[in-house]
């Protein structure tokens, strides 16, 4: 896996999105993360990037599982969702 840390700023946000195929939002079920606002998902979706997210808090209101993205709460669910998106450009386009 190749990766590079790029500090976020408004000027690089669009450039970063052009290098992404799938947006992920993993969370841990705790009080702090239950209060997250879902901004990362909104940014992915606004950039037409398909998403996989942990079903916690507002994520369940933003992602309609199987319609505009996937919700995944187990390792197997994450694997299945990401594999489905990797293997189907049509699905990535539809969800994006």
PDB file of N, CA and C in Angstrom:
ATOM      1  N   UNK A   1       0.842  -1.174   0.000  1.00  0.00           N
ATOM      2  CA  UNK A   1       0.000   0.000   0.000  1.00  0.00           C
ATOM      3  C   UNK A   1       0.886   1.236   0.000  1.00  0.00           C
ATOM      4  N   UNK A   2       0.623   2.121  -0.950  1.00  0.00           N
ATOM      5  CA  UNK A   2       1.360   3.379  -1.008  1.00  0.00           C
ATOM      6  C   UNK A   2       0.510   4.456  -0.371  1.00  0.00           C
ATOM      7  N   UNK A   3       1.123   5.305   0.415  1.00  0.00           N
ATOM      8  CA  UNK A   3       0.398   6.415   1.016  1.00  0.00           C
ATOM      9  C   UNK A   3       1.360   7.568   1.246  1.00  0.00           C
ATOM     10  N   UNK A   4       0.789   8.727   1.369  1.00  0.00           N
ATOM     11  CA  UNK A   4       1.563   9.928   1.640  1.00  0.00           C
ATOM     12  C   UNK A   4       0.696  10.838   2.489  1.00  0.00           C
ATOM     13  N   UNK A   5       1.241  11.324   3.593  1.00  0.00           N
ATOM     14  CA  UNK A   5       0.507  12.247   4.442  1.00  0.00           C
ATOM     15  C   UNK A   5       0.520  13.626   3.781  1.00  0.00           C
ATOM     16  N   UNK A   6      -0.662  14.198   3.637  1.00  0.00           N
ATOM     17  CA  UNK A   6      -0.793  15.542   3.086  1.00  0.00           C
ATOM     18  C   UNK A   6      -1.642  16.332   4.072  1.00  0.00           C
ATOM     19  N   UNK A   7      -1.104  17.406   4.596  1.00  0.00           N
ATOM     20  CA  UNK A   7      -1.854  18.224   5.542  1.00  0.00           C
ATOM     21  C   UNK A   7      -3.013  18.898   4.813  1.00  0.00           C
ATOM     22  N   UNK A   8      -4.200  18.824   5.426  1.00  0.00           N
ATOM     23  CA  UNK A   8      -5.386  19.374   4.792  1.00  0.00           C
ATOM     24  C   UNK A   8      -5.353  20.892   4.794  1.00  0.00           C
ATOM     25  N   UNK A   9      -5.827  21.453   3.721  1.00  0.00           N
ATOM     26  CA  UNK A   9      -6.097  22.885   3.620  1.00  0.00           C
ATOM     27  C   UNK A   9      -7.132  23.045   2.508  1.00  0.00           C
ATOM     28  N   UNK A  10      -7.857  24.140   2.489  1.00  0.00           N
ATOM     29  CA  UNK A  10      -8.853  24.332   1.432  1.00  0.00           C
ATOM     30  C   UNK A  10      -8.252  24.266   0.030  1.00  0.00           C
ATOM     31  N   UNK A  11      -7.024  24.699  -0.117  1.00  0.00           N
ATOM     32  CA  UNK A  11      -6.419  24.728  -1.451  1.00  0.00           C
ATOM     33  C   UNK A  11      -6.018  23.348  -1.949  1.00  0.00           C
ATOM     34  N   UNK A  12      -5.760  22.408  -1.044  1.00  0.00           N
ATOM     35  CA  UNK A  12      -5.357  21.073  -1.497  1.00  0.00           C
ATOM     36  C   UNK A  12      -6.484  20.047  -1.425  1.00  0.00           C
ATOM     37  N   UNK A  13      -7.624  20.427  -0.851  1.00  0.00           N
ATOM     38  CA  UNK A  13      -8.718  19.464  -0.695  1.00  0.00           C
ATOM     39  C   UNK A  13      -9.140  18.844  -2.023  1.00  0.00           C
ATOM     40  N   UNK A  14      -9.351  19.641  -3.030  1.00  0.00           N
ATOM     41  CA  UNK A  14      -9.773  19.113  -4.322  1.00  0.00           C
ATOM     42  C   UNK A  14      -8.695  18.236  -4.938  1.00  0.00           C
ATOM     43  N   UNK A  15      -7.445  18.624  -4.813  1.00  0.00           N
ATOM     44  CA  UNK A  15      -6.348  17.820  -5.348  1.00  0.00           C
ATOM     45  C   UNK A  15      -6.269  16.466  -4.661  1.00  0.00           C
ATOM     46  N   UNK A  16      -6.471  16.448  -3.348  1.00  0.00           N
ATOM     47  CA  UNK A  16      -6.433  15.198  -2.595  1.00  0.00           C
ATOM     48  C   UNK A  16      -7.547  14.271  -3.080  1.00  0.00           C
ATOM     49  N   UNK A  17      -8.740  14.799  -3.250  1.00  0.00           N
ATOM     50  CA  UNK A  17      -9.892  13.989  -3.660  1.00  0.00           C
ATOM     51  C   UNK A  17      -9.669  13.334  -5.017  1.00  0.00           C
ATOM     52  N   UNK A  18      -8.954  13.984  -5.905  1.00  0.00           N
ATOM     53  CA  UNK A  18      -8.708  13.410  -7.233  1.00  0.00           C
ATOM     54  C   UNK A  18      -7.857  12.157  -7.185  1.00  0.00           C
ATOM     55  N   UNK A  19      -7.180  11.915  -6.074  1.00  0.00           N
ATOM     56  CA  UNK A  19      -6.310  10.745  -5.941  1.00  0.00           C
ATOM     57  C   UNK A  19      -6.980   9.619  -5.154  1.00  0.00           C
ATOM     58  N   UNK A  20      -8.249   9.758  -4.842  1.00  0.00           N
ATOM     59  CA  UNK A  20      -8.954   8.774  -4.034  1.00  0.00           C
ATOM     60  C   UNK A  20      -9.977   8.013  -4.864  1.00  0.00           C
ATOM     61  N   UNK A  21     -10.118   6.727  -4.557  1.00  0.00           N
ATOM     62  CA  UNK A  21     -11.128   5.898  -5.205  1.00  0.00           C
ATOM     63  C   UNK A  21     -12.266   5.550  -4.256  1.00  0.00           C
ATOM     64  N   UNK A  22     -11.950   5.422  -2.968  1.00  0.00           N
ATOM     65  CA  UNK A  22     -12.937   5.045  -1.957  1.00  0.00           C
ATOM     66  C   UNK A  22     -12.654   5.854  -0.702  1.00  0.00           C
ATOM     67  N   UNK A  23     -13.683   6.443  -0.128  1.00  0.00           N
ATOM     68  CA  UNK A  23     -13.538   7.174   1.122  1.00  0.00           C
ATOM     69  C   UNK A  23     -13.968   6.299   2.286  1.00  0.00           C
ATOM     70  N   UNK A  24     -13.160   6.238   3.330  1.00  0.00           N
ATOM     71  CA  UNK A  24     -13.509   5.420   4.484  1.00  0.00           C
ATOM     72  C   UNK A  24     -13.608   6.281   5.738  1.00  0.00           C
ATOM     73  N   UNK A  25     -14.504   5.883   6.627  1.00  0.00           N
ATOM     74  CA  UNK A  25     -14.652   6.562   7.907  1.00  0.00           C
ATOM     75  C   UNK A  25     -14.823   5.518   9.010  1.00  0.00           C
ATOM     76  N   UNK A  26     -13.704   4.898   9.410  1.00  0.00           N
ATOM     77  CA  UNK A  26     -13.785   3.949  10.521  1.00  0.00           C
ATOM     78  C   UNK A  26     -13.877   4.708  11.844  1.00  0.00           C
ATOM     79  N   UNK A  27     -14.646   4.191  12.766  1.00  0.00           N
ATOM     80  CA  UNK A  27     -14.780   4.787  14.089  1.00  0.00           C
ATOM     81  C   UNK A  27     -14.734   3.690  15.144  1.00  0.00           C
ATOM     82  N   UNK A  28     -14.543   4.093  16.379  1.00  0.00           N
ATOM     83  CA  UNK A  28     -14.643   3.209  17.536  1.00  0.00           C
ATOM     84  C   UNK A  28     -15.876   3.662  18.304  1.00  0.00           C
ATOM     85  N   UNK A  29     -16.682   2.721  18.756  1.00  0.00           N
ATOM     86  CA  UNK A  29     -17.917   3.078  19.450  1.00  0.00           C
ATOM     87  C   UNK A  29     -17.604   3.564  20.863  1.00  0.00           C
ATOM     88  N   UNK A  30     -17.408   4.868  20.977  1.00  0.00           N
ATOM     89  CA  UNK A  30     -17.225   5.482  22.293  1.00  0.00           C
ATOM     90  C   UNK A  30     -17.936   6.837  22.292  1.00  0.00           C
ATOM     91  N   UNK A  31     -18.028   7.441  23.460  1.00  0.00           N
ATOM     92  CA  UNK A  31     -18.791   8.686  23.598  1.00  0.00           C
ATOM     93  C   UNK A  31     -18.272   9.792  22.677  1.00  0.00           C
ATOM     94  N   UNK A  32     -16.972   9.965  22.594  1.00  0.00           N
ATOM     95  CA  UNK A  32     -16.396  11.023  21.757  1.00  0.00           C
ATOM     96  C   UNK A  32     -16.756  10.816  20.289  1.00  0.00           C
ATOM     97  N   UNK A  33     -16.557   9.596  19.796  1.00  0.00           N
ATOM     98  CA  UNK A  33     -16.787   9.366  18.367  1.00  0.00           C
ATOM     99  C   UNK A  33     -18.262   9.293  18.011  1.00  0.00           C
ATOM    100  N   UNK A  34     -19.137   9.001  18.976  1.00  0.00           N
ATOM    101  CA  UNK A  34     -20.575   9.054  18.720  1.00  0.00           C
ATOM    102  C   UNK A  34     -21.017  10.474  18.393  1.00  0.00           C
ATOM    103  N   UNK A  35     -20.264  11.471  18.845  1.00  0.00           N
ATOM    104  CA  UNK A  35     -20.616  12.866  18.609  1.00  0.00           C
ATOM    105  C   UNK A  35     -19.983  13.474  17.373  1.00  0.00           C
ATOM    106  N   UNK A  36     -19.236  12.689  16.601  1.00  0.00           N
ATOM    107  CA  UNK A  36     -18.615  13.241  15.386  1.00  0.00           C
ATOM    108  C   UNK A  36     -19.688  13.673  14.399  1.00  0.00           C
ATOM    109  N   UNK A  37     -19.376  14.676  13.594  1.00  0.00           N
ATOM    110  CA  UNK A  37     -20.388  15.300  12.749  1.00  0.00           C
ATOM    111  C   UNK A  37     -20.525  14.687  11.363  1.00  0.00           C
ATOM    112  N   UNK A  38     -19.652  13.827  10.933  1.00  0.00           N
ATOM    113  CA  UNK A  38     -19.761  13.240   9.608  1.00  0.00           C
ATOM    114  C   UNK A  38     -19.169  14.091   8.506  1.00  0.00           C
ATOM    115  N   UNK A  39     -18.394  15.098   8.864  1.00  0.00           N
ATOM    116  CA  UNK A  39     -17.820  16.000   7.858  1.00  0.00           C
ATOM    117  C   UNK A  39     -16.982  15.244   6.830  1.00  0.00           C
ATOM    118  N   UNK A  40     -16.236  14.256   7.287  1.00  0.00           N
ATOM    119  CA  UNK A  40     -15.410  13.489   6.351  1.00  0.00           C
ATOM    120  C   UNK A  40     -16.294  12.817   5.293  1.00  0.00           C
ATOM    121  N   UNK A  41     -17.403  12.229   5.708  1.00  0.00           N
ATOM    122  CA  UNK A  41     -18.316  11.608   4.742  1.00  0.00           C
ATOM    123  C   UNK A  41     -18.891  12.639   3.793  1.00  0.00           C
ATOM    124  N   UNK A  42     -19.285  13.783   4.314  1.00  0.00           N
ATOM    125  CA  UNK A  42     -19.825  14.836   3.465  1.00  0.00           C
ATOM    126  C   UNK A  42     -18.801  15.296   2.433  1.00  0.00           C
ATOM    127  N   UNK A  43     -17.547  15.405   2.839  1.00  0.00           N
ATOM    128  CA  UNK A  43     -16.504  15.809   1.894  1.00  0.00           C
ATOM    129  C   UNK A  43     -16.310  14.751   0.816  1.00  0.00           C
ATOM    130  N   UNK A  44     -16.260  13.482   1.224  1.00  0.00           N
ATOM    131  CA  UNK A  44     -16.135  12.408   0.232  1.00  0.00           C
ATOM    132  C   UNK A  44     -17.303  12.462  -0.749  1.00  0.00           C
ATOM    133  N   UNK A  45     -18.503  12.538  -0.217  1.00  0.00           N
ATOM    134  CA  UNK A  45     -19.691  12.505  -1.067  1.00  0.00           C
ATOM    135  C   UNK A  45     -19.750  13.721  -1.989  1.00  0.00           C
ATOM    136  N   UNK A  46     -19.380  14.871  -1.488  1.00  0.00           N
ATOM    137  CA  UNK A  46     -19.368  16.081  -2.323  1.00  0.00           C
ATOM    138  C   UNK A  46     -18.364  15.966  -3.458  1.00  0.00           C
ATOM    139  N   UNK A  47     -17.311  15.179  -3.238  1.00  0.00           N
ATOM    140  CA  UNK A  47     -16.294  14.981  -4.271  1.00  0.00           C
ATOM    141  C   UNK A  47     -16.604  13.771  -5.148  1.00  0.00           C
ATOM    142  N   UNK A  48     -17.804  13.190  -5.010  1.00  0.00           N
ATOM    143  CA  UNK A  48     -18.249  12.035  -5.790  1.00  0.00           C
ATOM    144  C   UNK A  48     -17.386  10.803  -5.543  1.00  0.00           C
ATOM    145  N   UNK A  49     -16.963  10.615  -4.295  1.00  0.00           N
ATOM    146  CA  UNK A  49     -16.169   9.459  -3.892  1.00  0.00           C
ATOM    147  C   UNK A  49     -17.086   8.516  -3.123  1.00  0.00           C
ATOM    148  N   UNK A  50     -17.169   7.239  -3.523  1.00  0.00           N
ATOM    149  CA  UNK A  50     -18.006   6.291  -2.793  1.00  0.00           C
ATOM    150  C   UNK A  50     -17.450   6.066  -1.388  1.00  0.00           C
ATOM    151  N   UNK A  51     -18.345   5.761  -0.442  1.00  0.00           N
ATOM    152  CA  UNK A  51     -17.933   5.693   0.963  1.00  0.00           C
ATOM    153  C   UNK A  51     -18.253   4.355   1.617  1.00  0.00           C
ATOM    154  N   UNK A  52     -17.405   4.055   2.623  1.00  0.00           N
ATOM    155  CA  UNK A  52     -17.653   2.967   3.562  1.00  0.00           C
ATOM    156  C   UNK A  52     -17.436   3.579   4.938  1.00  0.00           C
ATOM    157  N   UNK A  53     -18.423   3.427   5.819  1.00  0.00           N
ATOM    158  CA  UNK A  53     -18.355   4.073   7.123  1.00  0.00           C
ATOM    159  C   UNK A  53     -18.845   3.144   8.224  1.00  0.00           C
ATOM    160  N   UNK A  54     -18.340   3.375   9.421  1.00  0.00           N
ATOM    161  CA  UNK A  54     -18.836   2.655  10.593  1.00  0.00           C
ATOM    162  C   UNK A  54     -20.203   3.232  10.938  1.00  0.00           C
ATOM    163  N   UNK A  55     -21.202   2.378  11.205  1.00  0.00           N
ATOM    164  CA  UNK A  55     -22.565   2.863  11.461  1.00  0.00           C
ATOM    165  C   UNK A  55     -22.726   3.405  12.887  1.00  0.00           C
ATOM    166  N   UNK A  56     -22.297   4.618  13.076  1.00  0.00           N
ATOM    167  CA  UNK A  56     -22.337   5.242  14.395  1.00  0.00           C
ATOM    168  C   UNK A  56     -22.729   6.704  14.227  1.00  0.00           C
ATOM    169  N   UNK A  57     -23.596   7.176  15.090  1.00  0.00           N
ATOM    170  CA  UNK A  57     -23.979   8.578  15.070  1.00  0.00           C
ATOM    171  C   UNK A  57     -24.599   8.992  13.750  1.00  0.00           C
ATOM    172  N   UNK A  58     -24.191  10.163  13.279  1.00  0.00           N
ATOM    173  CA  UNK A  58     -24.779  10.742  12.068  1.00  0.00           C
ATOM    174  C   UNK A  58     -24.455   9.938  10.808  1.00  0.00           C
ATOM    175  N   UNK A  59     -23.450   9.073  10.865  1.00  0.00           N
ATOM    176  CA  UNK A  59     -23.120   8.258   9.690  1.00  0.00           C
ATOM    177  C   UNK A  59     -24.332   7.479   9.190  1.00  0.00           C
ATOM    178  N   UNK A  60     -25.179   7.028  10.121  1.00  0.00           N
ATOM    179  CA  UNK A  60     -26.339   6.241   9.713  1.00  0.00           C
ATOM    180  C   UNK A  60     -27.404   7.099   9.021  1.00  0.00           C
ATOM    181  N   UNK A  61     -27.362   8.397   9.221  1.00  0.00           N
ATOM    182  CA  UNK A  61     -28.280   9.299   8.519  1.00  0.00           C
ATOM    183  C   UNK A  61     -27.721   9.710   7.157  1.00  0.00           C
ATOM    184  N   UNK A  62     -26.407   9.733   7.034  1.00  0.00           N
ATOM    185  CA  UNK A  62     -25.774  10.161   5.784  1.00  0.00           C
ATOM    186  C   UNK A  62     -25.654   9.033   4.770  1.00  0.00           C
ATOM    187  N   UNK A  63     -25.425   7.819   5.252  1.00  0.00           N
ATOM    188  CA  UNK A  63     -25.210   6.681   4.353  1.00  0.00           C
ATOM    189  C   UNK A  63     -26.410   5.746   4.414  1.00  0.00           C
ATOM    190  N   UNK A  64     -27.048   5.571   3.274  1.00  0.00           N
ATOM    191  CA  UNK A  64     -28.125   4.604   3.138  1.00  0.00           C
ATOM    192  C   UNK A  64     -27.475   3.333   2.589  1.00  0.00           C
ATOM    193  N   UNK A  65     -27.220   2.375   3.476  1.00  0.00           N
ATOM    194  CA  UNK A  65     -26.440   1.184   3.149  1.00  0.00           C
ATOM    195  C   UNK A  65     -26.941   0.509   1.866  1.00  0.00           C
ATOM    196  N   UNK A  66     -26.012   0.350   0.928  1.00  0.00           N
ATOM    197  CA  UNK A  66     -26.334  -0.302  -0.329  1.00  0.00           C
ATOM    198  C   UNK A  66     -26.953   0.601  -1.376  1.00  0.00           C
ATOM    199  N   UNK A  67     -27.270   1.850  -0.998  1.00  0.00           N
ATOM    200  CA  UNK A  67     -27.870   2.790  -1.956  1.00  0.00           C
ATOM    201  C   UNK A  67     -26.910   3.904  -2.346  1.00  0.00           C
ATOM    202  N   UNK A  68     -26.237   4.497  -1.355  1.00  0.00           N
ATOM    203  CA  UNK A  68     -25.273   5.565  -1.661  1.00  0.00           C
ATOM    204  C   UNK A  68     -23.931   5.327  -0.977  1.00  0.00           C
ATOM    205  N   UNK A  69     -23.736   4.133  -0.452  1.00  0.00           N
ATOM    206  CA  UNK A  69     -22.495   3.770   0.220  1.00  0.00           C
ATOM    207  C   UNK A  69     -22.725   2.524   1.047  1.00  0.00           C
ATOM    208  N   UNK A  70     -21.730   2.185   1.850  1.00  0.00           N
ATOM    209  CA  UNK A  70     -21.840   1.009   2.711  1.00  0.00           C
ATOM    210  C   UNK A  70     -21.575   1.396   4.152  1.00  0.00           C
ATOM    211  N   UNK A  71     -22.287   0.742   5.059  1.00  0.00           N
ATOM    212  CA  UNK A  71     -22.012   0.827   6.487  1.00  0.00           C
ATOM    213  C   UNK A  71     -21.417  -0.508   6.895  1.00  0.00           C
ATOM    214  N   UNK A  72     -20.332  -0.465   7.657  1.00  0.00           N
ATOM    215  CA  UNK A  72     -19.629  -1.695   8.026  1.00  0.00           C
ATOM    216  C   UNK A  72     -19.232  -1.647   9.489  1.00  0.00           C
ATOM    217  N   UNK A  73     -19.627  -2.690  10.231  1.00  0.00           N
ATOM    218  CA  UNK A  73     -19.320  -2.706  11.660  1.00  0.00           C
ATOM    219  C   UNK A  73     -18.474  -3.901  12.102  1.00  0.00           C
ATOM    220  N   UNK A  74     -18.079  -4.738  11.156  1.00  0.00           N
ATOM    221  CA  UNK A  74     -17.187  -5.853  11.471  1.00  0.00           C
ATOM    222  C   UNK A  74     -16.061  -5.877  10.436  1.00  0.00           C
ATOM    223  N   UNK A  75     -15.010  -6.595  10.764  1.00  0.00           N
ATOM    224  CA  UNK A  75     -13.896  -6.714   9.813  1.00  0.00           C
ATOM    225  C   UNK A  75     -14.384  -7.322   8.501  1.00  0.00           C
ATOM    226  N   UNK A  76     -15.226  -8.332   8.588  1.00  0.00           N
ATOM    227  CA  UNK A  76     -15.764  -8.976   7.389  1.00  0.00           C
ATOM    228  C   UNK A  76     -16.626  -8.008   6.569  1.00  0.00           C
ATOM    229  N   UNK A  77     -17.446  -7.206   7.238  1.00  0.00           N
ATOM    230  CA  UNK A  77     -18.276  -6.231   6.526  1.00  0.00           C
ATOM    231  C   UNK A  77     -17.414  -5.190   5.826  1.00  0.00           C
ATOM    232  N   UNK A  78     -16.348  -4.738   6.480  1.00  0.00           N
ATOM    233  CA  UNK A  78     -15.420  -3.799   5.844  1.00  0.00           C
ATOM    234  C   UNK A  78     -14.790  -4.439   4.610  1.00  0.00           C
ATOM    235  N   UNK A  79     -14.342  -5.686   4.758  1.00  0.00           N
ATOM    236  CA  UNK A  79     -13.702  -6.386   3.645  1.00  0.00           C
ATOM    237  C   UNK A  79     -14.668  -6.522   2.474  1.00  0.00           C
ATOM    238  N   UNK A  80     -15.904  -6.933   2.750  1.00  0.00           N
ATOM    239  CA  UNK A  80     -16.891  -7.118   1.685  1.00  0.00           C
ATOM    240  C   UNK A  80     -17.223  -5.800   0.985  1.00  0.00           C
ATOM    241  N   UNK A  81     -17.401  -4.741   1.755  1.00  0.00           N
ATOM    242  CA  UNK A  81     -17.747  -3.447   1.165  1.00  0.00           C
ATOM    243  C   UNK A  81     -16.626  -2.908   0.288  1.00  0.00           C
ATOM    244  N   UNK A  82     -15.424  -2.926   0.814  1.00  0.00           N
ATOM    245  CA  UNK A  82     -14.285  -2.400   0.042  1.00  0.00           C
ATOM    246  C   UNK A  82     -14.027  -3.266  -1.183  1.00  0.00           C
ATOM    247  N   UNK A  83     -14.134  -4.589  -1.026  1.00  0.00           N
ATOM    248  CA  UNK A  83     -13.941  -5.486  -2.170  1.00  0.00           C
ATOM    249  C   UNK A  83     -14.987  -5.217  -3.252  1.00  0.00           C
ATOM    250  N   UNK A  84     -16.235  -5.040  -2.853  1.00  0.00           N
ATOM    251  CA  UNK A  84     -17.293  -4.751  -3.836  1.00  0.00           C
ATOM    252  C   UNK A  84     -16.976  -3.482  -4.618  1.00  0.00           C
ATOM    253  N   UNK A  85     -16.499  -2.459  -3.922  1.00  0.00           N
ATOM    254  CA  UNK A  85     -16.183  -1.200  -4.603  1.00  0.00           C
ATOM    255  C   UNK A  85     -14.929  -1.316  -5.464  1.00  0.00           C
ATOM    256  N   UNK A  86     -13.935  -2.040  -4.990  1.00  0.00           N
ATOM    257  CA  UNK A  86     -12.706  -2.218  -5.773  1.00  0.00           C
ATOM    258  C   UNK A  86     -13.003  -2.982  -7.061  1.00  0.00           C
ATOM    259  N   UNK A  87     -13.870  -3.970  -6.963  1.00  0.00           N
ATOM    260  CA  UNK A  87     -14.128  -4.840  -8.108  1.00  0.00           C
ATOM    261  C   UNK A  87     -15.145  -4.288  -9.102  1.00  0.00           C
ATOM    262  N   UNK A  88     -15.870  -3.228  -8.749  1.00  0.00           N
ATOM    263  CA  UNK A  88     -16.910  -2.732  -9.648  1.00  0.00           C
ATOM    264  C   UNK A  88     -16.810  -1.230  -9.869  1.00  0.00           C
ATOM    265  N   UNK A  89     -16.318  -0.866 -11.029  1.00  0.00           N
ATOM    266  CA  UNK A  89     -16.258   0.565 -11.356  1.00  0.00           C
ATOM    267  C   UNK A  89     -17.674   1.145 -11.484  1.00  0.00           C
ATOM    268  N   UNK A  90     -18.630   0.322 -11.925  1.00  0.00           N
ATOM    269  CA  UNK A  90     -20.020   0.794 -12.016  1.00  0.00           C
ATOM    270  C   UNK A  90     -20.576   1.131 -10.640  1.00  0.00           C
ATOM    271  N   UNK A  91     -20.287   0.299  -9.651  1.00  0.00           N
ATOM    272  CA  UNK A  91     -20.759   0.558  -8.288  1.00  0.00           C
ATOM    273  C   UNK A  91     -20.099   1.800  -7.722  1.00  0.00           C
ATOM    274  N   UNK A  92     -18.788   1.961  -7.950  1.00  0.00           N
ATOM    275  CA  UNK A  92     -18.102   3.172  -7.485  1.00  0.00           C
ATOM    276  C   UNK A  92     -18.721   4.413  -8.107  1.00  0.00           C
ATOM    277  N   UNK A  93     -19.022   4.342  -9.398  1.00  0.00           N
ATOM    278  CA  UNK A  93     -19.643   5.481 -10.074  1.00  0.00           C
ATOM    279  C   UNK A  93     -21.046   5.748  -9.541  1.00  0.00           C
ATOM    280  N   UNK A  94     -21.822   4.696  -9.328  1.00  0.00           N
ATOM    281  CA  UNK A  94     -23.188   4.848  -8.828  1.00  0.00           C
ATOM    282  C   UNK A  94     -23.189   5.464  -7.426  1.00  0.00           C
ATOM    283  N   UNK A  95     -22.342   4.976  -6.531  1.00  0.00           N
ATOM    284  CA  UNK A  95     -22.289   5.486  -5.168  1.00  0.00           C
ATOM    285  C   UNK A  95     -21.637   6.864  -5.108  1.00  0.00           C
ATOM    286  N   UNK A  96     -20.707   7.124  -6.022  1.00  0.00           N
ATOM    287  CA  UNK A  96     -20.030   8.414  -6.042  1.00  0.00           C
ATOM    288  C   UNK A  96     -20.941   9.484  -6.578  1.00  0.00           C
TER     289      UNK A  96
END
